[in-house]
Amino acid sequence: MSVGLLILRLVVGLGLAAHGAQKLFGWFGGYGIAGTGQFFEGLGFRPGRLHAVQAGLAEVFGGLFLAAGFLTPFGAAAVVAVMLVAAVSVHLKAGYFAHTGGYEYTLVLAAAALALAFTGPGAISLDQALGIAWSGEKWGLGALAAGLIGGAVPLIARKTAVTSAAPHAA
């Protein structure tokens, strides 16, 4: 079981960290903070650069924490938050399936991260090496709640920003 959890953590965690590096540094064909910030501005997240940094940091650190199996519920919460924002602000309108731009992929990543918060990272992890036993129902539900709140805050602010930027009816 530990090898299976390690594979899951590495694939999900390092993939997310790479997405964050695209946003923060422009690595792997990304647009960096400036380009990602402009994209976020277009989605109603203001200031766009700040939101780009926040999303990039959540993906990099959430992903690296998952990959290492370090403070796993906190990494999972960061991933849930950023995937919720991505799903609602970009992918929801395209439906479920990823091939049409839907939220399928964001849901899979969030669910995988959350599953790790419930089950724990396994024996081959920093949590295990450091004697950190933060997993189970309490930690999984805590990661879910923190992720939902962490994602809801920018989404609520976005809605306000989009509404306040709209022209007033005459």
Protein backbone atom coordinates (compact mmCIF):
# COMPACT_ATOMS: atom_id res chain seq x y z
CA MET A 1 0.00 0.00 0.00
CA SER A 2 2.81 2.43 0.79
CA VAL A 3 4.25 2.18 -2.73
CA GLY A 4 0.81 2.86 -4.21
CA LEU A 5 0.38 5.95 -2.04
CA LEU A 6 3.89 7.10 -2.97
CA ILE A 7 3.08 6.81 -6.69
CA LEU A 8 -0.17 8.73 -6.22
CA ARG A 9 1.56 11.44 -4.19
CA LEU A 10 4.41 11.86 -6.67
CA VAL A 11 2.21 12.02 -9.78
CA VAL A 12 -0.39 14.36 -8.31
CA GLY A 13 1.98 16.44 -6.20
CA LEU A 14 4.72 16.98 -8.76
CA GLY A 15 2.16 17.64 -11.50
CA LEU A 16 0.57 20.35 -9.37
CA ALA A 17 3.94 21.82 -8.45
CA ALA A 18 4.77 22.04 -12.17
CA HIS A 19 1.50 23.91 -12.83
CA GLY A 20 2.40 26.33 -10.06
CA ALA A 21 5.87 26.84 -11.55
CA GLN A 22 4.19 27.76 -14.84
CA LYS A 23 2.28 30.50 -13.06
CA LEU A 24 5.14 31.77 -10.89
CA PHE A 25 8.18 31.43 -13.13
CA GLY A 26 6.93 30.78 -16.67
CA TRP A 27 8.55 27.34 -16.61
CA PHE A 28 7.23 24.43 -18.70
CA GLY A 29 5.59 26.72 -21.24
CA GLY A 30 3.77 28.84 -18.66
CA TYR A 31 3.13 32.57 -18.78
CA GLY A 32 4.71 33.59 -15.49
CA ILE A 33 3.16 36.00 -13.03
CA ALA A 34 2.59 38.78 -15.57
CA GLY A 35 0.76 36.64 -18.13
CA THR A 36 -1.14 34.60 -15.56
CA GLY A 37 -2.06 37.82 -13.76
CA GLN A 38 -3.58 39.23 -16.95
CA PHE A 39 -5.56 36.02 -17.42
CA PHE A 40 -6.80 36.20 -13.82
CA GLU A 41 -7.79 39.86 -14.30
CA GLY A 42 -9.91 38.76 -17.24
CA LEU A 43 -11.66 36.28 -14.95
CA GLY A 44 -12.45 39.05 -12.46
CA PHE A 45 -9.70 38.34 -9.93
CA ARG A 46 -8.24 41.70 -8.95
CA PRO A 47 -5.41 42.37 -8.61
CA GLY A 48 -4.59 39.64 -11.08
CA ARG A 49 -0.90 39.41 -10.24
CA LEU A 50 -1.64 38.85 -6.55
CA HIS A 51 -4.09 36.08 -7.37
CA ALA A 52 -1.59 34.54 -9.78
CA VAL A 53 1.02 34.45 -7.02
CA GLN A 54 -1.45 32.96 -4.55
CA ALA A 55 -2.57 30.26 -6.99
CA GLY A 56 1.00 29.49 -7.99
CA LEU A 57 2.15 29.21 -4.38
CA ALA A 58 -0.82 26.98 -3.47
CA GLU A 59 -0.02 24.67 -6.37
CA VAL A 60 3.75 24.59 -5.76
CA PHE A 61 3.66 24.14 -1.99
CA GLY A 62 0.48 22.05 -1.89
CA GLY A 63 1.94 19.82 -4.59
CA LEU A 64 5.36 19.52 -2.98
CA PHE A 65 3.83 18.81 0.44
CA LEU A 66 1.75 16.03 -1.10
CA ALA A 67 4.68 14.62 -3.07
CA ALA A 68 6.87 14.52 0.05
CA GLY A 69 4.06 13.32 2.29
CA PHE A 70 4.74 16.28 4.58
CA LEU A 71 1.94 17.88 6.59
CA THR A 72 -0.36 16.07 4.20
CA PRO A 73 -3.71 17.58 5.27
CA PHE A 74 -2.33 21.10 4.77
CA GLY A 75 -1.06 20.26 1.29
CA ALA A 76 -4.42 18.68 0.49
CA ALA A 77 -6.31 21.76 1.71
CA ALA A 78 -4.23 24.03 -0.54
CA VAL A 79 -4.89 21.76 -3.52
CA VAL A 80 -8.63 21.58 -2.84
CA ALA A 81 -8.80 25.38 -2.59
CA VAL A 82 -6.95 26.12 -5.82
CA MET A 83 -8.78 23.37 -7.76
CA LEU A 84 -12.15 24.69 -6.53
CA VAL A 85 -11.28 28.15 -7.81
CA ALA A 86 -10.09 26.76 -11.15
CA ALA A 87 -13.16 24.55 -11.55
CA VAL A 88 -15.68 27.28 -10.80
CA SER A 89 -13.99 30.21 -12.55
CA VAL A 90 -12.73 28.47 -15.69
CA HIS A 91 -14.03 24.93 -16.22
CA LEU A 92 -17.57 24.65 -14.85
CA LYS A 93 -19.22 26.35 -17.83
CA ALA A 94 -17.66 23.76 -20.17
CA GLY A 95 -19.32 20.81 -18.45
CA TYR A 96 -17.71 17.78 -16.89
CA PHE A 97 -15.30 16.25 -19.40
CA ALA A 98 -11.73 17.51 -19.71
CA HIS A 99 -11.67 17.17 -23.50
CA THR A 100 -14.23 19.98 -23.71
CA GLY A 101 -12.44 22.11 -21.11
CA GLY A 102 -14.62 20.86 -18.27
CA TYR A 103 -13.88 20.42 -14.58
CA GLU A 104 -13.07 16.68 -14.67
CA TYR A 105 -9.32 17.12 -14.18
CA THR A 106 -9.62 19.67 -11.37
CA LEU A 107 -12.08 17.38 -9.59
CA VAL A 108 -9.75 14.37 -9.90
CA LEU A 109 -6.79 16.33 -8.51
CA ALA A 110 -8.81 17.71 -5.59
CA ALA A 111 -10.28 14.27 -4.82
CA ALA A 112 -6.86 12.60 -4.93
CA ALA A 113 -5.42 15.21 -2.55
CA LEU A 114 -8.39 14.87 -0.23
CA ALA A 115 -8.14 11.07 -0.26
CA LEU A 116 -4.53 11.42 0.91
CA ALA A 117 -5.66 13.63 3.81
CA PHE A 118 -8.12 10.93 4.88
CA THR A 119 -5.84 7.92 4.38
CA GLY A 120 -2.46 9.48 5.17
CA PRO A 121 0.61 9.56 2.97
CA GLY A 122 1.82 6.04 3.77
CA ALA A 123 5.01 4.68 5.29
CA ILE A 124 7.31 6.17 2.65
CA SER A 125 6.75 9.80 3.62
CA LEU A 126 8.19 12.64 5.67
CA ASP A 127 5.14 12.54 7.92
CA GLN A 128 5.96 8.92 8.80
CA ALA A 129 9.66 9.67 9.26
CA LEU A 130 8.85 12.60 11.56
CA GLY A 131 6.20 10.74 13.54
CA ILE A 132 3.36 12.94 12.26
CA ALA A 133 0.13 10.92 12.26
CA TRP A 134 -2.27 13.52 10.87
CA SER A 135 -4.76 11.49 8.89
CA GLY A 136 -8.18 10.00 9.32
CA GLU A 137 -11.68 11.37 9.36
CA LYS A 138 -10.94 14.45 11.48
CA TRP A 139 -7.96 15.52 9.36
CA GLY A 140 -9.69 14.71 6.08
CA LEU A 141 -12.77 16.73 7.00
CA GLY A 142 -10.55 19.54 8.24
CA ALA A 143 -8.67 19.58 4.93
CA LEU A 144 -11.98 19.61 3.05
CA ALA A 145 -13.36 22.49 5.16
CA ALA A 146 -10.14 24.52 4.88
CA GLY A 147 -10.00 23.91 1.13
CA LEU A 148 -13.63 24.94 0.60
CA ILE A 149 -13.17 28.10 2.66
CA GLY A 150 -9.84 28.86 1.01
CA GLY A 151 -11.42 28.53 -2.42
CA ALA A 152 -14.63 30.35 -1.54
CA VAL A 153 -12.88 33.53 -0.40
CA PRO A 154 -11.37 34.48 -3.79
CA LEU A 155 -14.50 33.31 -5.60
CA ILE A 156 -16.69 35.58 -3.49
CA ALA A 157 -14.27 38.48 -3.95
CA ARG A 158 -14.23 37.76 -7.69
CA LYS A 159 -17.98 37.96 -7.93
CA THR A 160 -17.93 41.29 -6.11
CA ALA A 161 -15.16 42.57 -8.40
CA VAL A 162 -17.02 41.51 -11.53
CA THR A 163 -20.30 42.99 -10.28
CA SER A 164 -18.75 46.30 -9.24
CA ALA A 165 -16.93 46.60 -12.57
CA ALA A 166 -20.12 46.09 -14.58
CA PRO A 167 -21.69 49.19 -16.15
CA HIS A 168 -24.78 50.47 -14.38
CA ALA A 169 -28.10 50.22 -16.16
CA ALA A 170 -29.46 53.58 -17.29
